[in-house]
Amino acid sequence: MAAVKRGRIPFAKWDPIKGRSLLRNKPVRMTVHLTAVRANDIYGPGKGPGGTYAHCHNSRNGDFRQHQELHRRTYADLHANGRTISCENEGKEGDRLTDAQIDNLARLFAVAVTEYGVPNRIATAKDTRGLAWHRLGVRGNFGRYSPSNRKTWNADDTGVLWSTVIKTCPTDPVIDQLDDIYNRAQPYIKGSKPIGGGSKPSKPSKKPAPPKPAKPASPRKGPSGQGVAATKSIQRVLKRCDFYGGKVDGDYGPMTRQAVKDYQSEQNRWGDAGLYVDGDWGNVSRDWLNWTKKLQKALPKFKGISKLRVDGDYGRLVHNAVRTLQSRNGLYKDGFAQSKTIAFMRTAGATIPNRPPNRP
């Protein structure tokens, strides 16, 4: 994997763009694009840095070319440049990705996760890290926003801007294949399939030991020792907040733990919650969620603030509502409902307790 450390993709043909950027790229996502034309490659050695270009191009026949080192910046995602590994995929409007394209993207995502620390998750409207797609940062009318329908999400919902042009990239059929890409990537990430393709040299095998009797499977407990019922409750809470997309099965496994981390991180970002981002759903995270629900109920009683979904997520909408309240009433406008903001809300008749202590 030495080539990966130099920013090269081990299974790609190296086809560098002349004059490409030397600025540092610190990726938190891999973004899927669609070229909207049928061409084996829209870039190449003669392509200069004056226009946009991605890290790589993925042809429908499986030809995979890399034009920029992964640790260097490209110019395909506007405000996300410098935080993204970008990949153009050959295809016209309405095309689905071929199986070869899906496999190339799965292996590229595995490189992003294992070599660059990109979160092993599919992006959401509230957190665009992980496996992302260009339309998350594009403005346009893609139907009424639904937290459970990725095809409706756009820049107005995510708060990020990755293009000044209204476009459908990468189109609905490709967005429908994101789960296929993510699921295909997992064996590569776990190391059960080599990212570079082919097979690893085999060693002489020893005579296998007799199999041990299998223990009955039991759902894993969480860091704080939650059992099945408590874990199901946590999963339902996180699903309502759009942080968890798995089954409500009571298994506090990697997917649930990552969803808890994502929730904790977003509360710190938008609400200055001061939570440890450790995947542990303990009393501190639970108290914050319950307090945020009370804040969400109280805020719409003030002028200029629309009704909020009461789900316990101090996200961008709650942050903006608090800023509106602060701006209209001469308070320090930071979007964080601290003690002075809470005191003002009480004097105006709102019933809301103090913010919970943010760490044990």
Protein backbone atom coordinates (compact mmCIF):
# COMPACT_ATOMS: atom_id res chain seq x y z
CA MET A 1 0.00 0.00 0.00
CA ALA A 2 3.06 2.30 -0.29
CA ALA A 3 1.56 3.90 -3.39
CA VAL A 4 -1.53 4.93 -1.42
CA LYS A 5 0.68 6.77 1.09
CA ARG A 6 1.92 8.92 -1.79
CA GLY A 7 -1.66 9.77 -2.66
CA ARG A 8 -2.00 7.18 -5.44
CA ILE A 9 -4.93 4.77 -5.81
CA PRO A 10 -3.48 1.24 -6.09
CA PHE A 11 -5.92 0.02 -8.75
CA ALA A 12 -6.11 3.21 -10.88
CA LYS A 13 -4.16 4.20 -13.99
CA TRP A 14 -2.05 7.26 -13.10
CA ASP A 15 -2.88 9.98 -15.65
CA PRO A 16 -1.91 13.31 -14.01
CA ILE A 17 -3.26 16.70 -15.00
CA LYS A 18 -0.56 19.23 -15.84
CA GLY A 19 -0.25 22.14 -13.45
CA ARG A 20 -2.49 20.53 -10.84
CA SER A 21 -2.78 22.08 -7.38
CA LEU A 22 -0.19 21.46 -4.68
CA LEU A 23 -2.51 22.64 -1.89
CA ARG A 24 -3.24 20.14 0.88
CA ASN A 25 -6.39 18.01 0.86
CA LYS A 26 -7.68 16.70 4.21
CA PRO A 27 -10.71 14.66 3.14
CA VAL A 28 -13.75 14.01 5.32
CA ARG A 29 -15.83 12.61 2.45
CA MET A 30 -15.75 10.96 -0.96
CA THR A 31 -18.11 12.68 -3.41
CA VAL A 32 -19.77 10.92 -6.38
CA HIS A 33 -20.28 12.96 -9.59
CA LEU A 34 -21.80 12.12 -12.98
CA THR A 35 -20.25 13.48 -16.19
CA ALA A 36 -23.59 13.77 -18.08
CA VAL A 37 -21.74 12.71 -21.26
CA ARG A 38 -20.57 9.40 -22.68
CA ALA A 39 -16.80 9.62 -22.87
CA ASN A 40 -14.04 7.34 -21.66
CA ASP A 41 -12.51 10.31 -19.83
CA ILE A 42 -13.38 13.99 -19.69
CA TYR A 43 -9.92 14.83 -18.35
CA GLY A 44 -6.43 13.89 -19.42
CA PRO A 45 -2.76 14.94 -19.52
CA GLY A 46 -3.54 18.03 -21.56
CA LYS A 47 -6.15 19.31 -19.13
CA GLY A 48 -4.91 22.44 -17.41
CA PRO A 49 -5.82 23.71 -13.92
CA GLY A 50 -7.90 26.60 -15.24
CA GLY A 51 -11.16 24.62 -15.10
CA THR A 52 -12.68 22.12 -12.73
CA TYR A 53 -11.23 18.66 -12.30
CA ALA A 54 -11.72 15.70 -9.95
CA HIS A 55 -9.26 13.25 -8.45
CA CYS A 56 -10.33 10.46 -10.77
CA HIS A 57 -12.59 9.37 -13.62
CA ASN A 58 -14.59 6.13 -13.58
CA SER A 59 -15.62 4.81 -17.01
CA ARG A 60 -18.59 2.54 -17.62
CA ASN A 61 -16.27 -0.20 -18.88
CA GLY A 62 -14.32 -0.19 -15.59
CA ASP A 63 -11.37 1.91 -16.81
CA PHE A 64 -10.34 3.92 -13.74
CA ARG A 65 -7.97 6.87 -14.12
CA GLN A 66 -6.47 9.10 -11.43
CA HIS A 67 -5.57 12.71 -12.28
CA GLN A 68 -4.50 14.13 -8.90
CA GLU A 69 -2.97 12.74 -5.70
CA LEU A 70 -5.58 12.14 -3.01
CA HIS A 71 -3.73 14.32 -0.49
CA ARG A 72 -3.76 17.26 -2.95
CA ARG A 73 -6.71 19.54 -3.67
CA THR A 74 -8.96 19.34 -6.73
CA TYR A 75 -11.59 21.79 -8.00
CA ALA A 76 -14.84 19.90 -8.41
CA ASP A 77 -16.76 20.79 -5.23
CA LEU A 78 -16.47 24.57 -4.68
CA HIS A 79 -16.56 25.19 -0.90
CA ALA A 80 -15.75 21.52 -0.19
CA ASN A 81 -12.48 21.64 -2.14
CA GLY A 82 -9.67 20.69 0.23
CA ARG A 83 -11.92 18.38 2.28
CA THR A 84 -13.07 15.95 -0.42
CA ILE A 85 -11.94 13.04 -2.58
CA SER A 86 -13.89 13.58 -5.81
CA CYS A 87 -14.72 11.08 -8.54
CA GLU A 88 -16.40 11.71 -11.88
CA ASN A 89 -18.40 8.78 -13.28
CA GLU A 90 -19.17 8.36 -16.96
CA GLY A 91 -22.89 8.47 -17.63
CA LYS A 92 -25.77 10.45 -19.11
CA GLU A 93 -28.92 11.69 -17.37
CA GLY A 94 -30.94 8.64 -16.32
CA ASP A 95 -28.01 6.18 -16.43
CA ARG A 96 -27.36 3.78 -13.60
CA LEU A 97 -23.77 2.99 -12.69
CA THR A 98 -22.41 -0.24 -14.10
CA ASP A 99 -21.25 -3.03 -11.79
CA ALA A 100 -17.64 -2.19 -12.66
CA GLN A 101 -18.19 1.45 -11.69
CA ILE A 102 -19.80 0.45 -8.39
CA ASP A 103 -16.85 -1.79 -7.56
CA ASN A 104 -14.32 0.95 -8.38
CA LEU A 105 -16.20 3.42 -6.18
CA ALA A 106 -16.41 0.86 -3.37
CA ARG A 107 -12.65 0.33 -3.47
CA LEU A 108 -11.99 4.08 -3.63
CA PHE A 109 -14.24 4.62 -0.61
CA ALA A 110 -12.32 1.87 1.21
CA VAL A 111 -9.07 3.73 0.50
CA ALA A 112 -10.68 6.96 1.78
CA VAL A 113 -11.77 5.25 5.00
CA THR A 114 -8.70 3.13 5.75
CA GLU A 115 -5.97 5.53 4.58
CA TYR A 116 -7.46 8.98 5.16
CA GLY A 117 -9.87 8.50 8.06
CA VAL A 118 -13.03 9.40 6.14
CA PRO A 119 -16.02 8.28 8.30
CA ASN A 120 -17.41 4.92 7.21
CA ARG A 121 -20.97 6.15 6.71
CA ILE A 122 -23.32 7.46 4.05
CA ALA A 123 -23.73 11.23 4.23
CA THR A 124 -26.97 12.79 5.48
CA ALA A 125 -28.58 16.20 5.08
CA LYS A 126 -27.26 17.06 8.53
CA ASP A 127 -23.75 15.68 8.15
CA THR A 128 -22.15 15.47 4.69
CA ARG A 129 -19.11 13.46 5.81
CA GLY A 130 -18.53 9.93 4.50
CA LEU A 131 -19.90 8.65 1.19
CA ALA A 132 -21.43 11.80 -0.37
CA TRP A 133 -22.86 12.89 -3.71
CA HIS A 134 -22.58 16.23 -5.48
CA ARG A 135 -26.25 17.24 -5.25
CA LEU A 136 -25.92 17.61 -1.48
CA GLY A 137 -24.25 20.94 -2.25
CA VAL A 138 -26.29 21.99 -5.31
CA ARG A 139 -29.35 24.23 -5.25
CA GLY A 140 -32.42 23.14 -7.16
CA ASN A 141 -35.97 21.86 -6.94
CA PHE A 142 -35.73 18.14 -6.20
CA GLY A 143 -39.12 17.79 -4.56
CA ARG A 144 -40.33 18.55 -1.07
CA TYR A 145 -37.64 17.87 1.54
CA SER A 146 -37.99 14.52 3.28
CA PRO A 147 -35.43 13.40 5.89
CA SER A 148 -35.89 9.81 4.72
CA ASN A 149 -35.47 10.50 0.98
CA ARG A 150 -31.92 11.33 -0.14
CA LYS A 151 -33.12 12.38 -3.57
CA THR A 152 -34.86 15.45 -2.09
CA TRP A 153 -31.78 16.81 -0.32
CA ASN A 154 -29.91 19.81 -1.73
CA ALA A 155 -27.77 22.78 -0.69
CA ASP A 156 -30.72 24.58 0.94
CA ASP A 157 -31.17 21.61 3.29
CA THR A 158 -27.51 20.84 4.00
CA GLY A 159 -26.21 24.42 4.29
CA VAL A 160 -23.20 23.63 2.06
CA LEU A 161 -22.47 24.89 -1.45
CA TRP A 162 -20.52 22.71 -3.85
CA SER A 163 -21.58 24.34 -7.13
CA THR A 164 -22.91 27.66 -8.40
CA VAL A 165 -24.71 25.86 -11.26
CA ILE A 166 -28.14 24.27 -10.84
CA LYS A 167 -27.74 20.62 -11.88
CA THR A 168 -29.06 17.16 -10.97
CA CYS A 169 -25.59 15.56 -10.60
CA PRO A 170 -25.37 12.66 -9.99
CA THR A 171 -29.12 12.08 -10.79
CA ASP A 172 -31.71 9.95 -8.99
CA PRO A 173 -30.72 6.51 -10.41
CA VAL A 174 -27.16 6.95 -9.13
CA ILE A 175 -28.33 8.21 -5.73
CA ASP A 176 -30.40 5.02 -5.50
CA GLN A 177 -27.15 3.03 -5.83
CA LEU A 178 -25.34 4.62 -2.88
CA ASP A 179 -26.23 1.71 -0.60
CA ASP A 180 -24.79 -0.69 -3.18
CA ILE A 181 -21.50 1.25 -3.18
CA TYR A 182 -21.38 1.42 0.61
CA ASN A 183 -22.20 -2.27 1.13
CA ARG A 184 -19.73 -3.35 -1.57
CA ALA A 185 -17.01 -1.30 0.22
CA GLN A 186 -17.31 -3.06 3.58
CA PRO A 187 -15.31 -6.23 2.74
CA TYR A 188 -12.54 -4.02 1.32
CA ILE A 189 -12.56 -1.89 4.48
CA LYS A 190 -12.46 -4.94 6.74
CA GLY A 191 -9.60 -6.44 4.69
CA SER A 192 -11.44 -9.60 3.68
CA LYS A 193 -11.02 -8.50 0.04
CA PRO A 194 -7.83 -6.78 -1.22
CA ILE A 195 -8.45 -3.18 -2.32
CA GLY A 196 -5.93 -3.45 -5.11
CA GLY A 197 -7.74 -6.37 -6.72
CA GLY A 198 -6.42 -9.86 -7.32
CA SER A 199 -5.64 -12.25 -4.52
CA LYS A 200 -3.04 -12.22 -1.80
CA PRO A 201 -0.35 -14.92 -1.94
CA SER A 202 -1.52 -17.90 0.04
CA LYS A 203 0.53 -19.55 2.76
CA PRO A 204 0.64 -23.29 3.33
CA SER A 205 -2.34 -24.03 5.48
CA LYS A 206 -2.20 -26.02 8.67
CA LYS A 207 -4.63 -28.76 9.42
CA PRO A 208 -7.73 -26.96 10.65
CA ALA A 209 -8.66 -27.39 14.29
CA PRO A 210 -12.03 -28.95 15.01
CA PRO A 211 -14.69 -26.25 15.14
CA LYS A 212 -15.78 -25.04 18.54
CA PRO A 213 -19.46 -25.20 19.39
CA ALA A 214 -21.06 -21.95 18.31
CA LYS A 215 -22.34 -19.72 21.07
CA PRO A 216 -25.82 -18.38 20.62
CA ALA A 217 -25.68 -14.90 19.09
CA SER A 218 -26.68 -12.08 21.38
CA PRO A 219 -26.94 -8.38 20.63
CA ARG A 220 -23.93 -6.40 21.78
CA LYS A 221 -24.33 -4.09 24.73
CA GLY A 222 -23.42 -0.44 24.53
CA PRO A 223 -20.51 1.28 26.30
CA SER A 224 -22.75 2.12 29.25
CA GLY A 225 -24.13 -1.43 29.38
CA GLN A 226 -27.49 -0.81 27.70
CA GLY A 227 -29.41 -3.97 26.99
CA VAL A 228 -31.68 -4.76 24.06
CA ALA A 229 -34.66 -2.64 25.14
CA ALA A 230 -32.55 0.42 25.96
CA THR A 231 -30.59 0.10 22.71
CA LYS A 232 -33.79 -0.11 20.66
CA SER A 233 -34.98 3.09 22.34
CA ILE A 234 -31.69 4.81 21.45
CA GLN A 235 -31.93 3.60 17.85
CA ARG A 236 -35.49 4.95 17.55
CA VAL A 237 -34.39 8.33 18.92
CA LEU A 238 -31.47 8.55 16.50
CA LYS A 239 -33.64 7.40 13.58
CA ARG A 240 -36.12 10.24 14.29
CA CYS A 241 -33.18 12.65 14.27
CA ASP A 242 -31.95 11.14 10.96
CA PHE A 243 -28.63 9.95 12.36
CA TYR A 244 -29.38 6.21 12.26
CA GLY A 245 -30.47 4.38 9.13
CA GLY A 246 -30.29 0.77 10.28
CA LYS A 247 -32.75 -1.64 11.81
CA VAL A 248 -34.17 -1.15 15.30
CA ASP A 249 -32.78 -4.47 16.49
CA GLY A 250 -31.30 -3.72 19.92
CA ASP A 251 -27.75 -4.42 18.71
CA TYR A 252 -25.37 -1.72 19.97
CA GLY A 253 -22.90 -2.49 17.18
CA PRO A 254 -20.65 -0.28 15.03
CA MET A 255 -23.54 1.33 13.12
CA THR A 256 -25.36 2.39 16.31
CA ARG A 257 -22.14 3.56 17.93
CA GLN A 258 -21.29 5.68 14.87
CA ALA A 259 -24.80 7.18 14.88
CA VAL A 260 -24.33 8.19 18.53
CA LYS A 261 -20.99 9.78 17.63
CA ASP A 262 -22.59 11.67 14.75
CA TYR A 263 -25.33 12.95 17.07
CA GLN A 264 -22.81 14.06 19.70
CA SER A 265 -20.65 15.80 17.11
CA GLU A 266 -23.58 17.73 15.63
CA GLN A 267 -24.79 18.86 19.07
CA ASN A 268 -21.34 20.27 19.75
CA ARG A 269 -21.24 21.97 16.36
CA TRP A 270 -24.64 23.67 16.44
CA GLY A 271 -25.46 23.81 20.17
CA ASP A 272 -22.04 24.00 21.86
CA ALA A 273 -23.16 21.00 23.91
CA GLY A 274 -19.71 19.97 25.10
CA LEU A 275 -20.44 16.25 24.67
CA TYR A 276 -17.69 13.68 24.43
CA VAL A 277 -17.81 12.23 20.91
CA ASP A 278 -17.27 8.68 22.10
CA GLY A 279 -20.33 6.74 20.90
CA ASP A 280 -21.48 6.21 24.49
CA TRP A 281 -25.16 7.04 24.99
CA GLY A 282 -25.00 7.83 28.70
CA ASN A 283 -26.83 10.20 31.01
CA VAL A 284 -25.09 13.29 29.60
CA SER A 285 -26.24 12.67 26.02
CA ARG A 286 -29.72 11.67 27.21
CA ASP A 287 -30.08 14.80 29.37
CA TRP A 288 -29.00 16.97 26.44
CA LEU A 289 -31.57 15.38 24.14
CA ASN A 290 -34.41 15.87 26.65
CA TRP A 291 -33.42 19.49 27.30
CA THR A 292 -33.23 20.21 23.57
CA LYS A 293 -36.78 18.89 23.15
CA LYS A 294 -38.00 21.44 25.70
CA LEU A 295 -36.09 24.18 23.88
CA GLN A 296 -37.66 23.13 20.56
CA LYS A 297 -41.13 23.34 22.11
CA ALA A 298 -40.47 26.80 23.60
CA LEU A 299 -38.81 28.58 20.67
CA PRO A 300 -41.83 28.79 18.27
CA LYS A 301 -43.70 30.86 20.87
CA PHE A 302 -41.44 33.77 20.01
CA LYS A 303 -42.04 36.06 17.04
CA GLY A 304 -40.33 35.17 13.80
CA ILE A 305 -39.69 31.51 14.67
CA SER A 306 -41.53 28.73 12.85
CA LYS A 307 -42.66 25.49 14.44
CA LEU A 308 -39.77 23.06 14.99
CA ARG A 309 -39.72 19.29 14.94
CA VAL A 310 -39.40 18.15 18.57
CA ASP A 311 -36.81 15.40 18.22
CA GLY A 312 -33.98 16.46 20.54
CA ASP A 313 -31.56 17.41 17.77
CA TYR A 314 -29.97 20.83 18.29
CA GLY A 315 -29.15 21.09 14.59
CA ARG A 316 -28.93 23.91 12.09
CA LEU A 317 -32.66 24.79 12.30
CA VAL A 318 -32.58 25.13 16.10
CA HIS A 319 -29.32 27.08 15.90
CA ASN A 320 -30.87 29.53 13.40
CA ALA A 321 -34.04 29.84 15.51
CA VAL A 322 -31.97 30.78 18.55
CA ARG A 323 -30.05 33.34 16.47
CA THR A 324 -33.36 34.85 15.36
CA LEU A 325 -34.56 35.12 18.94
CA GLN A 326 -31.26 36.67 20.05
CA SER A 327 -31.18 39.13 17.14
CA ARG A 328 -34.75 40.33 17.71
CA ASN A 329 -34.23 40.86 21.44
CA GLY A 330 -30.80 42.48 21.70
CA LEU A 331 -28.99 39.39 22.92
CA TYR A 332 -25.55 38.22 21.83
CA LYS A 333 -26.22 36.49 18.50
CA ASP A 334 -24.32 33.19 18.45
CA GLY A 335 -27.09 30.60 18.06
CA PHE A 336 -26.21 28.90 21.36
CA ALA A 337 -28.95 28.96 24.01
CA GLN A 338 -26.74 29.82 26.98
CA SER A 339 -27.80 31.14 30.40
CA LYS A 340 -28.68 34.73 29.32
CA THR A 341 -30.81 33.51 26.43
CA ILE A 342 -32.57 31.01 28.69
CA ALA A 343 -33.14 33.72 31.34
CA PHE A 344 -34.72 35.99 28.72
CA MET A 345 -37.00 33.22 27.51
CA ARG A 346 -38.18 32.64 31.08
CA THR A 347 -38.97 36.31 31.62
CA ALA A 348 -41.08 36.13 28.46
CA GLY A 349 -43.06 33.23 29.93
CA ALA A 350 -41.27 30.18 28.50
CA THR A 351 -40.91 27.13 30.72
CA ILE A 352 -37.43 25.79 30.15
CA PRO A 353 -34.82 24.49 32.61
CA ASN A 354 -31.14 25.35 32.67
CA ARG A 355 -28.86 23.70 30.16
CA PRO A 356 -27.65 20.32 31.46
CA PRO A 357 -24.06 20.06 32.70
CA ASN A 358 -22.07 19.16 29.62
CA ARG A 359 -19.64 16.59 31.01
CA PRO A 360 -19.43 14.34 34.06
